[in-house]
Amino acid sequence: MSAPPVTLVRACLRDGACGSPTAVVLEEAPLNLSDAERRRVPVEAGTSHAVYVRVRPGGTHEPPVVDLRFFTVEGELPACGHGTVAALAYLASRNGAPGPYRATLRTARRVFDGWSEPHGAHLAAAFDPGPVELREPTGAERALALSALGMEPGESGSDMRVAAMGRERLLVPVPHRESLAALTPDLDRLRDACDRFGLLGAYVYSPPSPSGSLAARMFAPSIGVPEDIANANSSACLAAHLAGSGTAELTIDMGDALGSPATITAKAHPGSQGPRIQLGGTAQVDREEREPRGALAANA
């Protein structure tokens, strides 16, 4: 089969630049990729993640229904926040109608709303990432993760949490941005620890300022992403956690350690079953669809 066209979208821009490059593939008939082919696309596109999009027309007064699947080189993910931002921006860029683009999004686990609209020269996108479950880590989870991150046992204080949104991950506070920037985790040990406890990875963050600004780094070697430029779903988890202490709006800087600054916004609203989160970012769509190089193209 011929290689699929891939559009690169830089999701979660910082001041209109950089962000997290994401491969977006529109899966229309007769395109029908295998999961092995889907895993190869982010490698060939030079991105950490790829999102696969299928659009089904809505009713007369209903938005389209969009099926989303997310892959890294290691396999499929149940959710991907910056991949969702990238998909919404991509679809909005193709939409000829004026005004915001709205869609009902479907993943393997849930159905939710998303929207995107012009934001200066770029596109702003936002969505409801769904409920977040929080618990305290076990002693073993805490000890192994901190050791792999190169942190002292008491360095993160008592506020570490395990947060679940599709899959559990650790939320690890550090005292300030400088200590965050200085982290040099042992990624092999961290992968072993995450694999042992079924964790997606470790999301390490600095304290929020009075305005809700903070920095974070996400280490996820178990899914083939040693460090993520922008991890929006973990940012939503953090927003749900910090909402309990009165911080309702967050502006989260990521990607600086990788030379690709990114920013994610997360707003918490009261809900009947805990905080409801609105997750968002701005994006730049590379309108040139291109064939991935290398292995996939060799199968054409």
C-alpha atoms as a PDB file:
ATOM      1  CA  MET A   1       0.000   0.000   0.000  1.00  0.00           C
ATOM      2  CA  SER A   2       1.184   3.567  -0.668  1.00  0.00           C
ATOM      3  CA  ALA A   3       2.395   5.631   2.267  1.00  0.00           C
ATOM      4  CA  PRO A   4      -0.211   7.928   3.872  1.00  0.00           C
ATOM      5  CA  PRO A   5       0.022  11.715   3.529  1.00  0.00           C
ATOM      6  CA  VAL A   6       1.239  13.213   6.816  1.00  0.00           C
ATOM      7  CA  THR A   7       0.614  16.783   7.959  1.00  0.00           C
ATOM      8  CA  LEU A   8       2.908  18.198  10.628  1.00  0.00           C
ATOM      9  CA  VAL A   9       1.183  20.338  13.255  1.00  0.00           C
ATOM     10  CA  ARG A  10       3.114  22.183  15.948  1.00  0.00           C
ATOM     11  CA  ALA A  11       0.810  21.959  18.959  1.00  0.00           C
ATOM     12  CA  CYS A  12       0.869  24.038  22.150  1.00  0.00           C
ATOM     13  CA  LEU A  13       2.980  26.908  20.816  1.00  0.00           C
ATOM     14  CA  ARG A  14       4.829  29.305  23.129  1.00  0.00           C
ATOM     15  CA  ASP A  15       4.277  32.912  22.023  1.00  0.00           C
ATOM     16  CA  GLY A  16       3.445  31.703  18.525  1.00  0.00           C
ATOM     17  CA  ALA A  17       6.568  29.590  18.045  1.00  0.00           C
ATOM     18  CA  CYS A  18       8.088  26.124  18.639  1.00  0.00           C
ATOM     19  CA  GLY A  19       5.576  23.765  20.311  1.00  0.00           C
ATOM     20  CA  SER A  20       5.357  19.994  19.927  1.00  0.00           C
ATOM     21  CA  PRO A  21       5.555  18.678  16.336  1.00  0.00           C
ATOM     22  CA  THR A  22       2.811  16.108  15.833  1.00  0.00           C
ATOM     23  CA  ALA A  23       2.080  13.922  12.803  1.00  0.00           C
ATOM     24  CA  VAL A  24      -1.569  14.046  11.713  1.00  0.00           C
ATOM     25  CA  VAL A  25      -2.950  11.463   9.288  1.00  0.00           C
ATOM     26  CA  LEU A  26      -6.441  11.697   7.811  1.00  0.00           C
ATOM     27  CA  GLU A  27      -7.633   8.119   7.403  1.00  0.00           C
ATOM     28  CA  GLU A  28     -10.075   8.083   4.519  1.00  0.00           C
ATOM     29  CA  ALA A  29     -11.024   5.079   2.394  1.00  0.00           C
ATOM     30  CA  PRO A  30      -9.246   3.231   0.894  1.00  0.00           C
ATOM     31  CA  LEU A  31      -6.487   3.994   3.432  1.00  0.00           C
ATOM     32  CA  ASN A  32      -6.447   1.273   6.076  1.00  0.00           C
ATOM     33  CA  LEU A  33      -3.172   1.173   7.981  1.00  0.00           C
ATOM     34  CA  SER A  34      -2.048  -1.651  10.211  1.00  0.00           C
ATOM     35  CA  ASP A  35      -0.995  -0.817  13.761  1.00  0.00           C
ATOM     36  CA  ALA A  36       2.616  -1.585  12.818  1.00  0.00           C
ATOM     37  CA  GLU A  37       2.382   1.030  10.070  1.00  0.00           C
ATOM     38  CA  ARG A  38       0.824   3.505  12.482  1.00  0.00           C
ATOM     39  CA  ARG A  39       3.733   3.014  14.895  1.00  0.00           C
ATOM     40  CA  ARG A  40       6.216   3.782  12.132  1.00  0.00           C
ATOM     41  CA  VAL A  41       4.652   7.096  11.084  1.00  0.00           C
ATOM     42  CA  PRO A  42       5.949   9.181  14.034  1.00  0.00           C
ATOM     43  CA  VAL A  43       9.430   7.753  13.512  1.00  0.00           C
ATOM     44  CA  GLU A  44       9.378   8.590   9.806  1.00  0.00           C
ATOM     45  CA  ALA A  45       7.857  12.030  10.439  1.00  0.00           C
ATOM     46  CA  GLY A  46      10.396  12.856  13.164  1.00  0.00           C
ATOM     47  CA  THR A  47       7.757  13.339  15.869  1.00  0.00           C
ATOM     48  CA  SER A  48       7.099  11.691  19.220  1.00  0.00           C
ATOM     49  CA  HIS A  49       3.402  11.076  18.499  1.00  0.00           C
ATOM     50  CA  ALA A  50       1.013  10.596  15.602  1.00  0.00           C
ATOM     51  CA  VAL A  51      -2.757  11.077  15.613  1.00  0.00           C
ATOM     52  CA  TYR A  52      -5.054   9.301  13.146  1.00  0.00           C
ATOM     53  CA  VAL A  53      -8.284  11.073  12.247  1.00  0.00           C
ATOM     54  CA  ARG A  54     -11.505   9.711  10.754  1.00  0.00           C
ATOM     55  CA  VAL A  55     -14.340  12.198  10.165  1.00  0.00           C
ATOM     56  CA  ARG A  56     -17.993  11.171  10.042  1.00  0.00           C
ATOM     57  CA  PRO A  57     -20.547  13.838   9.016  1.00  0.00           C
ATOM     58  CA  GLY A  58     -22.925  15.010  11.727  1.00  0.00           C
ATOM     59  CA  GLY A  59     -26.655  15.555  11.425  1.00  0.00           C
ATOM     60  CA  THR A  60     -28.301  18.654   9.985  1.00  0.00           C
ATOM     61  CA  HIS A  61     -27.639  20.693  13.108  1.00  0.00           C
ATOM     62  CA  GLU A  62     -25.016  18.461  14.674  1.00  0.00           C
ATOM     63  CA  PRO A  63     -21.219  18.745  14.531  1.00  0.00           C
ATOM     64  CA  PRO A  64     -19.161  16.064  12.788  1.00  0.00           C
ATOM     65  CA  VAL A  65     -18.051  13.026  14.741  1.00  0.00           C
ATOM     66  CA  VAL A  66     -14.284  12.553  14.682  1.00  0.00           C
ATOM     67  CA  ASP A  67     -12.597   9.281  15.651  1.00  0.00           C
ATOM     68  CA  LEU A  68      -9.072   9.728  17.040  1.00  0.00           C
ATOM     69  CA  ARG A  69      -6.311   7.171  17.582  1.00  0.00           C
ATOM     70  CA  PHE A  70      -2.880   7.997  18.994  1.00  0.00           C
ATOM     71  CA  PHE A  71       0.400   6.147  18.472  1.00  0.00           C
ATOM     72  CA  THR A  72       4.039   6.378  19.476  1.00  0.00           C
ATOM     73  CA  VAL A  73       6.768   4.037  18.273  1.00  0.00           C
ATOM     74  CA  GLU A  74       5.892   1.729  21.195  1.00  0.00           C
ATOM     75  CA  GLY A  75       2.205   1.374  20.350  1.00  0.00           C
ATOM     76  CA  GLU A  76      -1.247   2.871  20.809  1.00  0.00           C
ATOM     77  CA  LEU A  77      -2.186   5.290  23.595  1.00  0.00           C
ATOM     78  CA  PRO A  78      -5.732   5.624  24.984  1.00  0.00           C
ATOM     79  CA  ALA A  79      -5.438   9.427  24.904  1.00  0.00           C
ATOM     80  CA  CYS A  80      -3.055  12.221  23.934  1.00  0.00           C
ATOM     81  CA  GLY A  81      -3.782  15.827  24.842  1.00  0.00           C
ATOM     82  CA  HIS A  82      -1.394  17.623  22.493  1.00  0.00           C
ATOM     83  CA  GLY A  83      -2.395  15.150  19.762  1.00  0.00           C
ATOM     84  CA  THR A  84      -6.017  16.201  20.278  1.00  0.00           C
ATOM     85  CA  VAL A  85      -5.031  19.888  20.018  1.00  0.00           C
ATOM     86  CA  ALA A  86      -3.142  19.064  16.799  1.00  0.00           C
ATOM     87  CA  ALA A  87      -6.106  17.159  15.334  1.00  0.00           C
ATOM     88  CA  LEU A  88      -8.567  19.959  16.133  1.00  0.00           C
ATOM     89  CA  ALA A  89      -6.289  22.608  14.612  1.00  0.00           C
ATOM     90  CA  TYR A  90      -5.763  20.441  11.523  1.00  0.00           C
ATOM     91  CA  LEU A  91      -9.520  19.963  11.032  1.00  0.00           C
ATOM     92  CA  ALA A  92     -10.230  23.648  11.610  1.00  0.00           C
ATOM     93  CA  SER A  93      -7.620  24.552   8.981  1.00  0.00           C
ATOM     94  CA  ARG A  94      -9.531  22.407   6.447  1.00  0.00           C
ATOM     95  CA  ASN A  95     -12.943  23.791   7.408  1.00  0.00           C
ATOM     96  CA  GLY A  96     -14.281  26.271   4.883  1.00  0.00           C
ATOM     97  CA  ALA A  97     -17.112  27.564   7.072  1.00  0.00           C
ATOM     98  CA  PRO A  98     -16.672  30.800   9.053  1.00  0.00           C
ATOM     99  CA  GLY A  99     -16.509  30.791  12.837  1.00  0.00           C
ATOM    100  CA  PRO A 100     -15.236  28.161  15.266  1.00  0.00           C
ATOM    101  CA  TYR A 101     -14.870  24.546  14.216  1.00  0.00           C
ATOM    102  CA  ARG A 102     -16.651  22.200  16.609  1.00  0.00           C
ATOM    103  CA  ALA A 103     -16.659  18.412  16.694  1.00  0.00           C
ATOM    104  CA  THR A 104     -17.707  15.476  18.790  1.00  0.00           C
ATOM    105  CA  LEU A 105     -14.508  13.521  19.414  1.00  0.00           C
ATOM    106  CA  ARG A 106     -14.381   9.771  19.998  1.00  0.00           C
ATOM    107  CA  THR A 107     -11.522   7.683  21.321  1.00  0.00           C
ATOM    108  CA  ALA A 108     -11.515   4.048  22.393  1.00  0.00           C
ATOM    109  CA  ARG A 109     -12.633   5.060  25.884  1.00  0.00           C
ATOM    110  CA  ARG A 110     -14.849   8.122  25.678  1.00  0.00           C
ATOM    111  CA  VAL A 111     -16.829  10.687  23.693  1.00  0.00           C
ATOM    112  CA  PHE A 112     -16.230  14.410  24.305  1.00  0.00           C
ATOM    113  CA  ASP A 113     -16.458  17.871  22.771  1.00  0.00           C
ATOM    114  CA  GLY A 114     -13.665  19.819  21.093  1.00  0.00           C
ATOM    115  CA  TRP A 115     -13.393  23.108  19.253  1.00  0.00           C
ATOM    116  CA  SER A 116     -10.875  25.260  17.412  1.00  0.00           C
ATOM    117  CA  GLU A 117     -10.879  28.804  16.043  1.00  0.00           C
ATOM    118  CA  PRO A 118      -8.426  31.325  14.574  1.00  0.00           C
ATOM    119  CA  HIS A 119      -6.096  32.990  17.067  1.00  0.00           C
ATOM    120  CA  GLY A 120      -4.154  35.653  15.198  1.00  0.00           C
ATOM    121  CA  ALA A 121      -1.945  33.862  12.686  1.00  0.00           C
ATOM    122  CA  HIS A 122      -2.505  30.519  14.422  1.00  0.00           C
ATOM    123  CA  LEU A 123      -5.333  28.334  15.669  1.00  0.00           C
ATOM    124  CA  ALA A 124      -6.503  27.961  19.248  1.00  0.00           C
ATOM    125  CA  ALA A 125      -7.946  24.593  20.238  1.00  0.00           C
ATOM    126  CA  ALA A 126      -9.563  23.317  23.430  1.00  0.00           C
ATOM    127  CA  PHE A 127     -11.406  20.267  24.660  1.00  0.00           C
ATOM    128  CA  ASP A 128     -12.785  18.486  27.696  1.00  0.00           C
ATOM    129  CA  PRO A 129     -10.205  15.799  28.571  1.00  0.00           C
ATOM    130  CA  GLY A 130     -12.558  14.004  30.969  1.00  0.00           C
ATOM    131  CA  PRO A 131     -12.500  13.104  34.651  1.00  0.00           C
ATOM    132  CA  VAL A 132      -9.279  12.657  36.595  1.00  0.00           C
ATOM    133  CA  GLU A 133      -8.778  10.127  39.376  1.00  0.00           C
ATOM    134  CA  LEU A 134      -6.203  10.957  42.042  1.00  0.00           C
ATOM    135  CA  ARG A 135      -4.609   8.862  44.771  1.00  0.00           C
ATOM    136  CA  GLU A 136      -1.516   8.928  46.932  1.00  0.00           C
ATOM    137  CA  PRO A 137       1.382   6.813  45.655  1.00  0.00           C
ATOM    138  CA  THR A 138       2.481   3.773  47.552  1.00  0.00           C
ATOM    139  CA  GLY A 139       5.796   3.869  49.365  1.00  0.00           C
ATOM    140  CA  ALA A 140       7.361   1.647  46.703  1.00  0.00           C
ATOM    141  CA  GLU A 141       6.072   3.820  43.845  1.00  0.00           C
ATOM    142  CA  ARG A 142       7.389   6.949  45.530  1.00  0.00           C
ATOM    143  CA  ALA A 143      10.811   5.518  46.391  1.00  0.00           C
ATOM    144  CA  LEU A 144      11.540   3.960  42.999  1.00  0.00           C
ATOM    145  CA  ALA A 145      10.336   6.970  41.004  1.00  0.00           C
ATOM    146  CA  LEU A 146      12.267   9.513  43.068  1.00  0.00           C
ATOM    147  CA  SER A 147      15.418   7.432  42.896  1.00  0.00           C
ATOM    148  CA  ALA A 148      15.134   7.098  39.109  1.00  0.00           C
ATOM    149  CA  LEU A 149      14.515  10.829  38.784  1.00  0.00           C
ATOM    150  CA  GLY A 150      17.655  11.544  40.801  1.00  0.00           C
ATOM    151  CA  MET A 151      15.714  13.173  43.638  1.00  0.00           C
ATOM    152  CA  GLU A 152      16.190  12.823  47.380  1.00  0.00           C
ATOM    153  CA  PRO A 153      13.420  10.958  49.302  1.00  0.00           C
ATOM    154  CA  GLY A 154      12.002  14.124  50.867  1.00  0.00           C
ATOM    155  CA  GLU A 155      12.656  16.489  47.990  1.00  0.00           C
ATOM    156  CA  SER A 156       9.120  16.334  46.555  1.00  0.00           C
ATOM    157  CA  GLY A 157       7.390  16.777  49.901  1.00  0.00           C
ATOM    158  CA  SER A 158       4.073  15.100  50.643  1.00  0.00           C
ATOM    159  CA  ASP A 159       2.137  16.347  47.617  1.00  0.00           C
ATOM    160  CA  MET A 160       3.112  13.652  45.102  1.00  0.00           C
ATOM    161  CA  ARG A 161       0.080  12.030  43.496  1.00  0.00           C
ATOM    162  CA  VAL A 162      -0.803   9.255  41.080  1.00  0.00           C
ATOM    163  CA  ALA A 163      -3.282  10.642  38.550  1.00  0.00           C
ATOM    164  CA  ALA A 164      -5.332   8.578  36.117  1.00  0.00           C
ATOM    165  CA  MET A 165      -6.760   9.795  32.831  1.00  0.00           C
ATOM    166  CA  GLY A 166      -6.900   6.669  30.748  1.00  0.00           C
ATOM    167  CA  ARG A 167      -3.634   5.532  32.331  1.00  0.00           C
ATOM    168  CA  GLU A 168      -1.955   6.375  35.625  1.00  0.00           C
ATOM    169  CA  ARG A 169       1.044   8.674  35.826  1.00  0.00           C
ATOM    170  CA  LEU A 170       2.968  10.279  38.690  1.00  0.00           C
ATOM    171  CA  LEU A 171       2.672  13.991  39.488  1.00  0.00           C
ATOM    172  CA  VAL A 172       5.914  14.975  41.219  1.00  0.00           C
ATOM    173  CA  PRO A 173       6.406  18.484  42.685  1.00  0.00           C
ATOM    174  CA  VAL A 174       9.851  20.075  43.006  1.00  0.00           C
ATOM    175  CA  PRO A 175      10.744  23.194  45.020  1.00  0.00           C
ATOM    176  CA  HIS A 176      11.369  25.604  42.121  1.00  0.00           C
ATOM    177  CA  ARG A 177      11.991  25.937  38.383  1.00  0.00           C
ATOM    178  CA  GLU A 178      15.751  25.708  38.829  1.00  0.00           C
ATOM    179  CA  SER A 179      15.528  22.256  40.399  1.00  0.00           C
ATOM    180  CA  LEU A 180      13.182  21.193  37.593  1.00  0.00           C
ATOM    181  CA  ALA A 181      15.637  22.356  34.929  1.00  0.00           C
ATOM    182  CA  ALA A 182      18.504  20.538  36.672  1.00  0.00           C
ATOM    183  CA  LEU A 183      16.836  17.105  36.647  1.00  0.00           C
ATOM    184  CA  THR A 184      18.820  14.359  34.911  1.00  0.00           C
ATOM    185  CA  PRO A 185      16.760  11.183  35.392  1.00  0.00           C
ATOM    186  CA  ASP A 186      18.066   7.685  34.815  1.00  0.00           C
ATOM    187  CA  LEU A 187      15.629   6.830  32.039  1.00  0.00           C
ATOM    188  CA  ASP A 188      16.325   3.090  32.071  1.00  0.00           C
ATOM    189  CA  ARG A 189      15.565   2.902  35.792  1.00  0.00           C
ATOM    190  CA  LEU A 190      12.512   5.116  35.349  1.00  0.00           C
ATOM    191  CA  ARG A 191      11.227   2.881  32.574  1.00  0.00           C
ATOM    192  CA  ASP A 192      11.682  -0.177  34.778  1.00  0.00           C
ATOM    193  CA  ALA A 193       9.841   1.526  37.654  1.00  0.00           C
ATOM    194  CA  CYS A 194       6.972   2.673  35.430  1.00  0.00           C
ATOM    195  CA  ASP A 195       6.677  -0.754  33.807  1.00  0.00           C
ATOM    196  CA  ARG A 196       6.611  -2.388  37.236  1.00  0.00           C
ATOM    197  CA  PHE A 197       3.691  -0.247  38.417  1.00  0.00           C
ATOM    198  CA  GLY A 198       1.890   0.225  35.108  1.00  0.00           C
ATOM    199  CA  LEU A 199       2.572   3.964  35.000  1.00  0.00           C
ATOM    200  CA  LEU A 200       2.673   6.136  31.898  1.00  0.00           C
ATOM    201  CA  GLY A 201       5.554   8.195  33.253  1.00  0.00           C
ATOM    202  CA  ALA A 202       6.548  10.929  35.702  1.00  0.00           C
ATOM    203  CA  TYR A 203       5.287  14.507  35.311  1.00  0.00           C
ATOM    204  CA  VAL A 204       7.506  16.785  37.386  1.00  0.00           C
ATOM    205  CA  TYR A 205       6.370  20.360  38.052  1.00  0.00           C
ATOM    206  CA  SER A 206       7.385  23.571  39.823  1.00  0.00           C
ATOM    207  CA  PRO A 207       5.110  25.466  42.241  1.00  0.00           C
ATOM    208  CA  PRO A 208       2.511  27.682  40.540  1.00  0.00           C
ATOM    209  CA  SER A 209       2.869  31.443  40.814  1.00  0.00           C
ATOM    210  CA  PRO A 210      -0.073  33.489  42.184  1.00  0.00           C
ATOM    211  CA  SER A 211      -1.289  33.814  38.584  1.00  0.00           C
ATOM    212  CA  GLY A 212      -1.088  30.036  37.996  1.00  0.00           C
ATOM    213  CA  SER A 213       2.097  30.011  35.895  1.00  0.00           C
ATOM    214  CA  LEU A 214       4.462  27.062  36.318  1.00  0.00           C
ATOM    215  CA  ALA A 215       6.874  24.809  34.461  1.00  0.00           C
ATOM    216  CA  ALA A 216       6.781  21.032  34.010  1.00  0.00           C
ATOM    217  CA  ARG A 217       8.680  18.154  32.422  1.00  0.00           C
ATOM    218  CA  MET A 218       7.196  14.783  31.448  1.00  0.00           C
ATOM    219  CA  PHE A 219       9.411  11.693  31.290  1.00  0.00           C
ATOM    220  CA  ALA A 220       7.726   8.699  29.641  1.00  0.00           C
ATOM    221  CA  PRO A 221      10.371   6.216  28.429  1.00  0.00           C
ATOM    222  CA  SER A 222       7.903   3.311  28.718  1.00  0.00           C
ATOM    223  CA  ILE A 223       5.998   4.626  25.678  1.00  0.00           C
ATOM    224  CA  GLY A 224       9.148   5.485  23.736  1.00  0.00           C
ATOM    225  CA  VAL A 225       9.192   9.178  24.731  1.00  0.00           C
ATOM    226  CA  PRO A 226      12.190   9.878  27.011  1.00  0.00           C
ATOM    227  CA  GLU A 227      10.923  13.434  27.523  1.00  0.00           C
ATOM    228  CA  ASP A 228       7.765  14.913  26.025  1.00  0.00           C
ATOM    229  CA  ILE A 229       7.807  18.449  24.615  1.00  0.00           C
ATOM    230  CA  ALA A 230       4.185  19.025  25.678  1.00  0.00           C
ATOM    231  CA  ASN A 231       2.078  16.614  27.688  1.00  0.00           C
ATOM    232  CA  ALA A 232      -1.373  18.124  27.862  1.00  0.00           C
ATOM    233  CA  ASN A 233      -3.276  15.293  29.554  1.00  0.00           C
ATOM    234  CA  SER A 234      -0.817  15.224  32.452  1.00  0.00           C
ATOM    235  CA  SER A 235      -1.289  18.998  32.666  1.00  0.00           C
ATOM    236  CA  ALA A 236      -5.036  18.380  32.985  1.00  0.00           C
ATOM    237  CA  CYS A 237      -4.313  15.913  35.783  1.00  0.00           C
ATOM    238  CA  LEU A 238      -2.274  18.559  37.560  1.00  0.00           C
ATOM    239  CA  ALA A 239      -5.065  21.110  37.130  1.00  0.00           C
ATOM    240  CA  ALA A 240      -7.514  18.693  38.778  1.00  0.00           C
ATOM    241  CA  HIS A 241      -5.071  18.135  41.643  1.00  0.00           C
ATOM    242  CA  LEU A 242      -4.278  21.819  42.242  1.00  0.00           C
ATOM    243  CA  ALA A 243      -7.947  22.827  41.986  1.00  0.00           C
ATOM    244  CA  GLY A 244      -8.305  21.379  45.478  1.00  0.00           C
ATOM    245  CA  SER A 245      -5.976  24.076  46.795  1.00  0.00           C
ATOM    246  CA  GLY A 246      -7.776  26.890  44.998  1.00  0.00           C
ATOM    247  CA  THR A 247      -5.734  27.218  41.780  1.00  0.00           C
ATOM    248  CA  ALA A 248      -8.340  27.226  39.003  1.00  0.00           C
ATOM    249  CA  GLU A 249      -6.306  28.340  35.954  1.00  0.00           C
ATOM    250  CA  LEU A 250      -2.847  27.152  34.958  1.00  0.00           C
ATOM    251  CA  THR A 251      -0.392  28.241  32.277  1.00  0.00           C
ATOM    252  CA  ILE A 252       2.185  25.469  31.991  1.00  0.00           C
ATOM    253  CA  ASP A 253       5.525  25.847  30.234  1.00  0.00           C
ATOM    254  CA  MET A 254       7.164  22.686  28.904  1.00  0.00           C
ATOM    255  CA  GLY A 255       9.781  21.725  26.331  1.00  0.00           C
ATOM    256  CA  ASP A 256      12.528  24.165  27.385  1.00  0.00           C
ATOM    257  CA  ALA A 257      14.991  21.379  28.196  1.00  0.00           C
ATOM    258  CA  LEU A 258      14.480  20.052  24.648  1.00  0.00           C
ATOM    259  CA  GLY A 259      14.938  23.407  22.936  1.00  0.00           C
ATOM    260  CA  SER A 260      11.296  23.544  21.818  1.00  0.00           C
ATOM    261  CA  PRO A 261       9.330  25.735  24.265  1.00  0.00           C
ATOM    262  CA  ALA A 262       5.640  24.876  24.524  1.00  0.00           C
ATOM    263  CA  THR A 263       2.751  26.184  26.605  1.00  0.00           C
ATOM    264  CA  ILE A 264      -0.478  24.487  27.691  1.00  0.00           C
ATOM    265  CA  THR A 265      -3.487  26.083  29.388  1.00  0.00           C
ATOM    266  CA  ALA A 266      -5.754  24.236  31.796  1.00  0.00           C
ATOM    267  CA  LYS A 267      -8.820  25.607  33.566  1.00  0.00           C
ATOM    268  CA  ALA A 268     -10.682  23.803  36.336  1.00  0.00           C
ATOM    269  CA  HIS A 269     -14.412  24.282  36.841  1.00  0.00           C
ATOM    270  CA  PRO A 270     -16.528  22.793  39.659  1.00  0.00           C
ATOM    271  CA  GLY A 271     -18.322  19.601  38.664  1.00  0.00           C
ATOM    272  CA  SER A 272     -20.657  17.127  40.300  1.00  0.00           C
ATOM    273  CA  GLN A 273     -17.947  14.434  40.304  1.00  0.00           C
ATOM    274  CA  GLY A 274     -14.894  16.592  40.904  1.00  0.00           C
ATOM    275  CA  PRO A 275     -13.286  19.362  38.859  1.00  0.00           C
ATOM    276  CA  ARG A 276     -14.053  19.594  35.150  1.00  0.00           C
ATOM    277  CA  ILE A 277     -11.057  20.631  33.081  1.00  0.00           C
ATOM    278  CA  GLN A 278     -10.817  22.644  29.886  1.00  0.00           C
ATOM    279  CA  LEU A 279      -7.490  21.933  28.220  1.00  0.00           C
ATOM    280  CA  GLY A 280      -6.085  23.983  25.396  1.00  0.00           C
ATOM    281  CA  GLY A 281      -3.245  25.435  23.377  1.00  0.00           C
ATOM    282  CA  THR A 282      -2.460  27.196  20.119  1.00  0.00           C
ATOM    283  CA  ALA A 283      -1.156  25.421  17.049  1.00  0.00           C
ATOM    284  CA  GLN A 284       0.446  25.992  13.680  1.00  0.00           C
ATOM    285  CA  VAL A 285      -0.553  23.697  10.815  1.00  0.00           C
ATOM    286  CA  ASP A 286       2.024  22.865   8.164  1.00  0.00           C
ATOM    287  CA  ARG A 287      -0.382  22.820   5.242  1.00  0.00           C
ATOM    288  CA  GLU A 288       1.977  20.819   3.064  1.00  0.00           C
ATOM    289  CA  GLU A 289       0.932  17.198   3.348  1.00  0.00           C
ATOM    290  CA  ARG A 290       3.897  14.983   2.692  1.00  0.00           C
ATOM    291  CA  GLU A 291       4.782  11.343   2.446  1.00  0.00           C
ATOM    292  CA  PRO A 292       6.907  10.028   5.308  1.00  0.00           C
ATOM    293  CA  ARG A 293      10.399   9.066   4.251  1.00  0.00           C
ATOM    294  CA  GLY A 294      12.136   5.753   4.775  1.00  0.00           C
ATOM    295  CA  ALA A 295      10.452   2.554   5.899  1.00  0.00           C
ATOM    296  CA  LEU A 296       6.834   3.425   5.152  1.00  0.00           C
ATOM    297  CA  ALA A 297       7.668   4.882   1.764  1.00  0.00           C
ATOM    298  CA  ALA A 298       9.591   1.705   0.959  1.00  0.00           C
ATOM    299  CA  ASN A 299       6.281  -0.173   1.249  1.00  0.00           C
ATOM    300  CA  ALA A 300       4.617   1.946  -1.429  1.00  0.00           C
END
